[in-house]
């Protein structure tokens, strides 16, 4: 065997590894490119104050994307996150402005902690309803959450008559002050919203990587039927991921309302698309089973920094939509390349080596979760959790 013959496979392997590295690190590379380009175009982009301001904006998108990630990992989708954000913000504002009890002739003013807790619980309940529709009644996730998008947005509009609830700073005499802490307070110079996002992201990362529930979640998204036959409580996992998505949306809504010191029933409009974009740009597979917290955070920062950078250099809002949409399309194409390649490679293997079809299946066949078309039919036990 000549030296050139040995060197050729090595060079090919290096090229394959490089392309794989670029695909897997695309969100980080995109973020680095955005920072470099806008730093050159605007001297104010890379200042500490501007980075903190942009990070506080990203925190809203990141919280929605983190909840969306869990749903996507199961192979589902949650289109109601933007409406849940707006509804919970309205609930928080409504409670802080006072709840009239006409029967007793009084108005109750819950404190900030009670208002925040009630709004977050309602967000979780909305998520639970989505989860029950999907897991118990077998409604397609797209249809169930799309319907909930309109229902929740409608309730927010009915509750406020379509008006924005302003002046959420509260009154010292009524004991309902302090709501602006979520949007304006800083701890060691870092906005509270960014710290809340970091804590939730860390908690979700630990849950996915170190707990049984995290393994169940990935198993459900990889092959739901196989996971169910292995004893994974698929329905329970599905309900809980929608609950967590609702909780994340509620927290994001309260932070947004605190930042604006107002709650609009139309807040969060189209944010569900931004949340999905963050997940896709971060490298998660919409078919389920693949995705990380780190990638999702990078995806949210890509969208946030790109949007704020375009505003900073004076690009029209219409062109901003074009640029963000183009980034999403490219991310989807790269996801298709990343997750479609192994399957195509295995399909081409018999043509390259005719004897391979007679040999035992490799480890990749099991990992991909695809059924063996040549296997005998198997009687499956009744479906249950």
Protein backbone atom coordinates (compact mmCIF):
# COMPACT_ATOMS: atom_id res chain seq x y z
CA UNK A 1 0.00 0.00 0.00
CA UNK A 2 1.48 3.38 -1.00
CA UNK A 3 1.77 6.42 1.24
CA UNK A 4 -0.63 8.42 -0.94
CA UNK A 5 -3.27 5.71 -0.61
CA UNK A 6 -3.06 5.91 3.18
CA UNK A 7 -3.08 9.70 3.23
CA UNK A 8 -6.24 10.03 1.14
CA UNK A 9 -8.63 8.49 3.71
CA UNK A 10 -7.06 10.61 6.46
CA UNK A 11 -7.59 13.81 4.49
CA UNK A 12 -11.18 12.76 3.77
CA UNK A 13 -11.78 12.06 7.47
CA UNK A 14 -10.37 15.48 8.37
CA UNK A 15 -12.72 17.17 5.90
CA UNK A 16 -15.68 15.25 7.32
CA UNK A 17 -14.72 16.16 10.88
CA UNK A 18 -14.34 19.82 9.91
CA UNK A 19 -17.76 19.96 8.26
CA UNK A 20 -19.30 18.23 11.28
CA UNK A 21 -17.61 20.73 13.59
CA UNK A 22 -18.91 23.66 11.56
CA UNK A 23 -22.44 22.25 11.56
CA UNK A 24 -22.51 21.56 15.29
CA UNK A 25 -20.94 24.91 16.18
CA UNK A 26 -22.93 27.02 13.74
CA UNK A 27 -24.87 28.93 16.42
CA UNK A 28 -21.65 29.95 18.19
CA UNK A 29 -20.02 30.91 14.90
CA UNK A 30 -23.08 32.93 13.85
CA UNK A 31 -23.09 34.79 17.18
CA UNK A 32 -19.37 35.52 16.90
CA UNK A 33 -19.85 36.80 13.34
CA UNK A 34 -22.74 39.06 14.43
CA UNK A 35 -20.67 40.54 17.25
CA UNK A 36 -17.67 41.20 14.96
CA UNK A 37 -19.73 42.73 12.13
CA UNK A 38 -21.84 45.05 14.30
CA UNK A 39 -18.81 46.05 16.38
CA UNK A 40 -17.20 47.29 13.17
CA UNK A 41 -20.38 49.02 12.01
CA UNK A 42 -21.19 50.71 15.33
CA UNK A 43 -18.76 51.71 18.10
CA UNK A 44 -21.59 51.49 20.67
CA UNK A 45 -22.47 47.84 20.01
CA UNK A 46 -19.76 46.20 22.11
CA UNK A 47 -19.98 48.49 25.13
CA UNK A 48 -20.80 46.96 28.51
CA UNK A 49 -24.02 48.93 28.92
CA UNK A 50 -25.32 47.97 25.49
CA UNK A 51 -24.45 44.31 25.99
CA UNK A 52 -26.39 44.27 29.26
CA UNK A 53 -29.37 45.98 27.64
CA UNK A 54 -29.35 43.52 24.75
CA UNK A 55 -28.99 40.60 27.16
CA UNK A 56 -32.08 41.76 29.06
CA UNK A 57 -33.98 41.73 25.75
CA UNK A 58 -32.60 38.28 24.92
CA UNK A 59 -33.75 36.96 28.32
CA UNK A 60 -37.38 37.21 27.16
CA UNK A 61 -36.70 35.22 23.98
CA UNK A 62 -34.45 32.75 25.79
CA UNK A 63 -37.07 31.88 28.40
CA UNK A 64 -39.63 31.19 25.68
CA UNK A 65 -37.08 29.16 23.71
CA UNK A 66 -36.08 27.07 26.74
CA UNK A 67 -39.68 26.04 27.32
CA UNK A 68 -40.10 25.43 23.61
CA UNK A 69 -36.96 23.25 23.58
CA UNK A 70 -38.50 20.75 25.99
CA UNK A 71 -41.61 20.48 23.84
CA UNK A 72 -39.58 20.09 20.65
CA UNK A 73 -37.44 17.38 22.25
CA UNK A 74 -40.60 15.25 22.53
CA UNK A 75 -41.40 15.88 18.85
CA UNK A 76 -44.12 18.44 19.63
CA UNK A 77 -44.49 22.18 19.24
CA UNK A 78 -46.05 24.94 21.36
CA UNK A 79 -47.55 27.83 19.39
CA UNK A 80 -49.25 29.32 22.45
CA UNK A 81 -46.13 30.64 24.23
CA UNK A 82 -46.54 34.20 22.91
CA UNK A 83 -50.21 34.38 23.93
CA UNK A 84 -49.39 32.87 27.33
CA UNK A 85 -46.76 35.58 27.79
CA UNK A 86 -49.29 38.32 27.03
CA UNK A 87 -52.07 36.77 29.13
CA UNK A 88 -49.94 36.25 32.25
CA UNK A 89 -48.56 39.79 31.94
CA UNK A 90 -52.14 41.10 31.84
CA UNK A 91 -53.09 38.96 34.85
CA UNK A 92 -50.16 40.33 36.83
CA UNK A 93 -51.03 43.90 35.88
CA UNK A 94 -54.73 43.38 36.61
CA UNK A 95 -54.00 42.07 40.10
CA UNK A 96 -51.55 44.86 40.91
CA UNK A 97 -54.07 47.53 39.86
CA UNK A 98 -56.64 46.05 42.25
CA UNK A 99 -59.38 43.43 42.05
CA UNK A 100 -62.84 44.93 42.71
CA UNK A 101 -65.17 42.74 44.76
CA UNK A 102 -68.52 44.37 44.04
CA UNK A 103 -70.38 41.96 46.28
CA UNK A 104 -68.53 43.25 49.33
CA UNK A 105 -67.96 46.78 48.08
CA UNK A 106 -64.18 46.58 48.40
CA UNK A 107 -61.14 46.41 46.14
CA UNK A 108 -58.39 43.94 46.99
CA UNK A 109 -54.77 44.85 46.19
CA UNK A 110 -52.59 41.69 46.23
CA UNK A 111 -48.91 42.27 46.91
CA UNK A 112 -46.29 41.68 44.21
CA UNK A 113 -45.35 38.19 45.40
CA UNK A 114 -48.97 36.99 45.33
CA UNK A 115 -49.61 38.57 41.91
CA UNK A 116 -46.49 37.00 40.42
CA UNK A 117 -47.29 33.59 41.90
CA UNK A 118 -50.87 33.61 40.59
CA UNK A 119 -49.72 34.63 37.10
CA UNK A 120 -47.03 31.92 37.00
CA UNK A 121 -49.47 29.25 38.19
CA UNK A 122 -51.93 30.28 35.46
CA UNK A 123 -49.14 29.91 32.91
CA UNK A 124 -48.51 26.39 34.17
CA UNK A 125 -52.23 25.57 33.97
CA UNK A 126 -52.36 26.74 30.36
CA UNK A 127 -49.42 24.48 29.61
CA UNK A 128 -51.12 21.59 31.42
CA UNK A 129 -54.22 22.04 29.27
CA UNK A 130 -52.06 21.92 26.15
CA UNK A 131 -50.37 18.79 27.44
CA UNK A 132 -53.64 17.03 28.23
CA UNK A 133 -55.01 17.81 24.77
CA UNK A 134 -51.89 16.39 23.15
CA UNK A 135 -51.14 13.43 25.43
CA UNK A 136 -54.59 12.26 26.52
CA UNK A 137 -56.87 13.27 23.67
CA UNK A 138 -54.26 12.79 20.91
CA UNK A 139 -54.83 16.21 19.37
CA UNK A 140 -51.96 17.15 17.07
CA UNK A 141 -49.63 19.56 18.95
CA UNK A 142 -49.80 22.11 16.13
CA UNK A 143 -53.61 22.17 16.21
CA UNK A 144 -53.98 22.08 20.01
CA UNK A 145 -51.54 24.90 20.68
CA UNK A 146 -52.74 26.98 17.72
CA UNK A 147 -56.26 26.86 19.14
CA UNK A 148 -54.94 27.76 22.59
CA UNK A 149 -53.06 30.69 21.04
CA UNK A 150 -56.36 32.27 19.98
CA UNK A 151 -58.26 31.34 23.15
CA UNK A 152 -55.69 32.82 25.52
CA UNK A 153 -55.18 35.94 23.41
CA UNK A 154 -58.94 36.42 23.33
CA UNK A 155 -59.21 36.18 27.13
CA UNK A 156 -56.45 38.78 27.50
CA UNK A 157 -58.33 41.15 25.18
CA UNK A 158 -61.63 40.55 26.99
CA UNK A 159 -60.08 41.15 30.39
CA UNK A 160 -58.67 44.52 29.36
CA UNK A 161 -61.18 45.57 26.68
CA UNK A 162 -58.20 45.71 24.35
CA UNK A 163 -56.50 48.41 26.43
CA UNK A 164 -53.02 48.41 27.92
CA UNK A 165 -52.76 48.34 31.73
CA UNK A 166 -50.38 51.16 32.62
CA UNK A 167 -48.58 52.34 35.74
CA UNK A 168 -47.69 49.07 37.47
CA UNK A 169 -45.37 50.74 39.95
CA UNK A 170 -47.99 50.37 42.73
CA UNK A 171 -48.67 52.44 45.83
CA UNK A 172 -46.75 52.37 49.10
CA UNK A 173 -49.96 52.76 51.06
CA UNK A 174 -51.51 49.72 49.38
CA UNK A 175 -48.43 47.53 49.80
CA UNK A 176 -48.19 46.51 46.14
CA UNK A 177 -44.93 48.20 45.13
CA UNK A 178 -41.76 46.51 43.89
CA UNK A 179 -42.95 44.97 40.62
CA UNK A 180 -40.35 46.95 38.66
CA UNK A 181 -37.65 44.87 40.40
CA UNK A 182 -37.94 42.16 37.73
CA UNK A 183 -37.24 44.56 34.88
CA UNK A 184 -34.95 47.23 36.34
CA UNK A 185 -33.13 45.84 39.36
CA UNK A 186 -29.51 44.78 38.93
CA UNK A 187 -27.48 42.38 41.02
CA UNK A 188 -23.72 42.94 40.73
CA UNK A 189 -24.50 45.04 37.67
CA UNK A 190 -26.41 42.27 35.89
CA UNK A 191 -30.15 42.77 35.15
CA UNK A 192 -32.42 40.61 37.29
CA UNK A 193 -34.14 39.23 34.18
CA UNK A 194 -30.83 37.91 32.84
CA UNK A 195 -30.06 36.22 36.17
CA UNK A 196 -33.53 34.64 36.27
CA UNK A 197 -32.96 33.34 32.75
CA UNK A 198 -29.57 31.91 33.76
CA UNK A 199 -31.01 30.15 36.81
CA UNK A 200 -33.86 28.59 34.81
CA UNK A 201 -31.47 27.56 32.02
CA UNK A 202 -29.14 25.91 34.56
CA UNK A 203 -32.06 24.09 36.20
CA UNK A 204 -33.31 22.77 32.84
CA UNK A 205 -29.78 21.73 31.82
CA UNK A 206 -29.36 19.76 35.05
CA UNK A 207 -32.79 18.20 34.59
CA UNK A 208 -31.98 17.08 31.04
CA UNK A 209 -28.50 15.81 31.79
CA UNK A 210 -28.68 14.43 35.33
CA UNK A 211 -32.22 13.20 36.01
CA UNK A 212 -34.38 10.27 35.03
CA UNK A 213 -36.99 12.68 33.66
CA UNK A 214 -34.39 14.07 31.26
CA UNK A 215 -33.60 10.59 29.94
CA UNK A 216 -37.30 9.88 29.58
CA UNK A 217 -37.73 13.12 27.65
CA UNK A 218 -34.99 12.33 25.11
CA UNK A 219 -36.26 8.76 24.80
CA UNK A 220 -39.79 10.00 24.11
CA UNK A 221 -38.58 12.27 21.33
CA UNK A 222 -36.21 9.69 19.84
CA UNK A 223 -38.80 6.92 19.49
CA UNK A 224 -42.03 7.33 21.38
CA UNK A 225 -43.30 3.80 20.87
CA UNK A 226 -40.01 2.20 21.88
CA UNK A 227 -39.85 4.45 24.95
CA UNK A 228 -43.37 3.45 25.92
CA UNK A 229 -42.56 -0.26 25.58
CA UNK A 230 -39.47 0.33 27.74
CA UNK A 231 -41.58 1.64 30.60
CA UNK A 232 -41.26 5.38 30.02
CA UNK A 233 -44.45 7.24 31.12
CA UNK A 234 -44.78 9.00 27.79
CA UNK A 235 -48.07 10.75 28.53
CA UNK A 236 -46.86 12.12 31.84
CA UNK A 237 -43.62 13.36 30.26
CA UNK A 238 -45.57 15.05 27.46
CA UNK A 239 -47.91 16.84 29.87
CA UNK A 240 -45.05 18.06 32.04
CA UNK A 241 -43.02 19.54 29.19
CA UNK A 242 -46.01 21.67 28.19
CA UNK A 243 -46.45 22.71 31.83
CA UNK A 244 -42.82 23.83 32.01
CA UNK A 245 -43.21 25.68 28.72
CA UNK A 246 -46.21 27.53 30.17
CA UNK A 247 -44.27 28.40 33.33
CA UNK A 248 -41.34 29.78 31.30
CA UNK A 249 -43.75 31.85 29.20
CA UNK A 250 -45.37 33.29 32.33
CA UNK A 251 -42.02 34.29 33.82
CA UNK A 252 -41.05 35.92 30.51
CA UNK A 253 -44.35 37.82 30.43
CA UNK A 254 -43.87 39.18 33.95
CA UNK A 255 -40.32 40.30 33.19
CA UNK A 256 -41.52 42.05 30.02
CA UNK A 257 -44.39 43.77 31.87
CA UNK A 258 -42.00 44.86 34.62
CA UNK A 259 -39.55 46.27 32.07
CA UNK A 260 -42.29 48.26 30.33
CA UNK A 261 -44.16 49.02 33.62
CA UNK A 262 -47.29 48.14 31.64
CA UNK A 263 -49.15 45.05 30.43
CA UNK A 264 -50.57 44.91 26.93
CA UNK A 265 -53.02 42.19 25.81
CA UNK A 266 -51.15 42.05 22.50
CA UNK A 267 -47.72 41.58 24.10
CA UNK A 268 -45.81 38.60 22.77
CA UNK A 269 -47.49 38.64 19.37
CA UNK A 270 -45.45 36.37 17.01
CA UNK A 271 -43.02 35.56 19.85
CA UNK A 272 -43.88 31.89 19.40
CA UNK A 273 -42.07 32.05 16.05
CA UNK A 274 -39.06 33.66 17.71
CA UNK A 275 -39.00 30.89 20.32
CA UNK A 276 -39.08 28.19 17.64
CA UNK A 277 -36.36 30.04 15.73
CA UNK A 278 -34.11 30.07 18.80
CA UNK A 279 -34.52 26.32 19.19
CA UNK A 280 -33.86 25.61 15.50
CA UNK A 281 -30.84 27.93 15.27
CA UNK A 282 -29.49 26.23 18.38
CA UNK A 283 -29.36 22.92 16.53
CA UNK A 284 -32.41 21.08 17.89
CA UNK A 285 -34.23 18.69 15.57
CA UNK A 286 -37.91 19.52 15.10
CA UNK A 287 -38.56 15.78 14.78
CA UNK A 288 -37.55 15.42 18.44
CA UNK A 289 -34.86 13.70 20.47
CA UNK A 290 -31.99 16.11 19.71
CA UNK A 291 -31.23 19.49 21.26
CA UNK A 292 -29.38 21.17 24.12
CA UNK A 293 -29.86 24.10 26.48
CA UNK A 294 -26.51 25.55 25.44
CA UNK A 295 -27.47 25.56 21.77
CA UNK A 296 -30.88 27.07 22.49
CA UNK A 297 -29.35 29.91 24.50
CA UNK A 298 -26.92 30.60 21.66
CA UNK A 299 -29.85 30.61 19.21
CA UNK A 300 -31.75 33.13 21.35
CA UNK A 301 -28.67 35.36 21.56
CA UNK A 302 -28.21 35.16 17.78
CA UNK A 303 -31.75 36.43 17.21
CA UNK A 304 -31.59 39.07 19.97
CA UNK A 305 -28.18 40.46 19.05
CA UNK A 306 -29.04 40.46 15.34
CA UNK A 307 -32.30 42.37 15.91
CA UNK A 308 -30.76 44.91 18.30
CA UNK A 309 -27.71 45.33 16.09
CA UNK A 310 -29.87 46.13 13.06
CA UNK A 311 -31.78 48.70 15.14
CA UNK A 312 -28.51 50.24 16.32
CA UNK A 313 -27.20 50.81 12.80
CA UNK A 314 -30.54 52.20 11.63
CA UNK A 315 -31.80 49.39 9.40
CA UNK A 316 -35.51 49.55 8.55
CA UNK A 317 -37.83 47.34 10.60
CA UNK A 318 -38.98 45.69 7.37
CA UNK A 319 -35.45 44.65 6.50
CA UNK A 320 -34.98 43.37 10.05
CA UNK A 321 -37.81 40.91 9.42
CA UNK A 322 -36.15 39.82 6.18
CA UNK A 323 -32.78 39.23 7.84
CA UNK A 324 -34.21 37.30 10.78
CA UNK A 325 -36.31 35.17 8.43
CA UNK A 326 -33.27 34.42 6.28
CA UNK A 327 -31.31 33.29 9.35
CA UNK A 328 -34.14 30.93 10.30
CA UNK A 329 -34.30 29.41 6.81
CA UNK A 330 -30.53 28.85 6.77
CA UNK A 331 -30.72 27.25 10.23
CA UNK A 332 -33.41 24.83 9.06
CA UNK A 333 -31.36 23.89 6.00
CA UNK A 334 -28.30 23.24 8.16
CA UNK A 335 -30.39 21.12 10.52
CA UNK A 336 -31.52 19.08 7.54
CA UNK A 337 -27.90 18.55 6.49
CA UNK A 338 -26.80 17.64 10.00
CA UNK A 339 -29.54 15.14 10.82
CA UNK A 340 -30.21 13.83 7.31
CA UNK A 341 -26.65 12.79 6.50
CA UNK A 342 -26.31 9.61 8.65
CA UNK A 343 -29.48 8.08 7.23
CA UNK A 344 -28.45 8.77 3.64
CA UNK A 345 -25.01 7.33 4.32
CA UNK A 346 -26.48 4.10 5.66
CA UNK A 347 -28.87 3.85 2.70
CA UNK A 348 -25.90 4.06 0.33
CA UNK A 349 -23.85 1.46 2.26
CA UNK A 350 -25.29 -1.68 0.51
CA UNK A 351 -24.40 -0.23 -2.90
CA UNK A 352 -20.79 0.32 -1.79
CA UNK A 353 -20.45 -3.13 -0.17
CA UNK A 354 -22.88 -5.79 -1.38
CA UNK A 355 -21.91 -8.11 1.46
CA UNK A 356 -22.83 -5.58 4.11
CA UNK A 357 -26.54 -6.38 3.89
CA UNK A 358 -25.89 -9.93 5.05
CA UNK A 359 -23.92 -8.88 8.12
CA UNK A 360 -25.26 -7.87 11.55
CA UNK A 361 -26.74 -4.42 11.99
CA UNK A 362 -24.33 -1.79 13.25
CA UNK A 363 -24.83 0.37 16.33
CA UNK A 364 -26.06 3.28 14.24
CA UNK A 365 -29.14 1.34 13.18
CA UNK A 366 -30.38 1.07 16.74
CA UNK A 367 -29.38 4.60 17.60
CA UNK A 368 -31.43 6.05 14.80
CA UNK A 369 -34.59 4.38 16.07
CA UNK A 370 -35.65 3.15 12.64
CA UNK A 371 -37.45 -0.21 12.46
CA UNK A 372 -35.80 -3.04 10.55
CA UNK A 373 -37.92 -3.66 7.45
CA UNK A 374 -36.70 -7.26 7.29
CA UNK A 375 -37.66 -8.17 10.83
CA UNK A 376 -40.64 -10.35 11.64
CA UNK A 377 -43.79 -8.60 12.84
CA UNK A 378 -44.06 -8.35 16.59
CA UNK A 379 -47.15 -8.41 18.75
CA UNK A 380 -47.12 -5.31 20.94
CA UNK A 381 -48.76 -5.04 24.34
CA UNK A 382 -51.71 -2.68 24.85
CA UNK A 383 -50.72 0.99 24.86
CA UNK A 384 -50.58 2.42 28.34
CA UNK A 385 -48.43 4.52 30.62
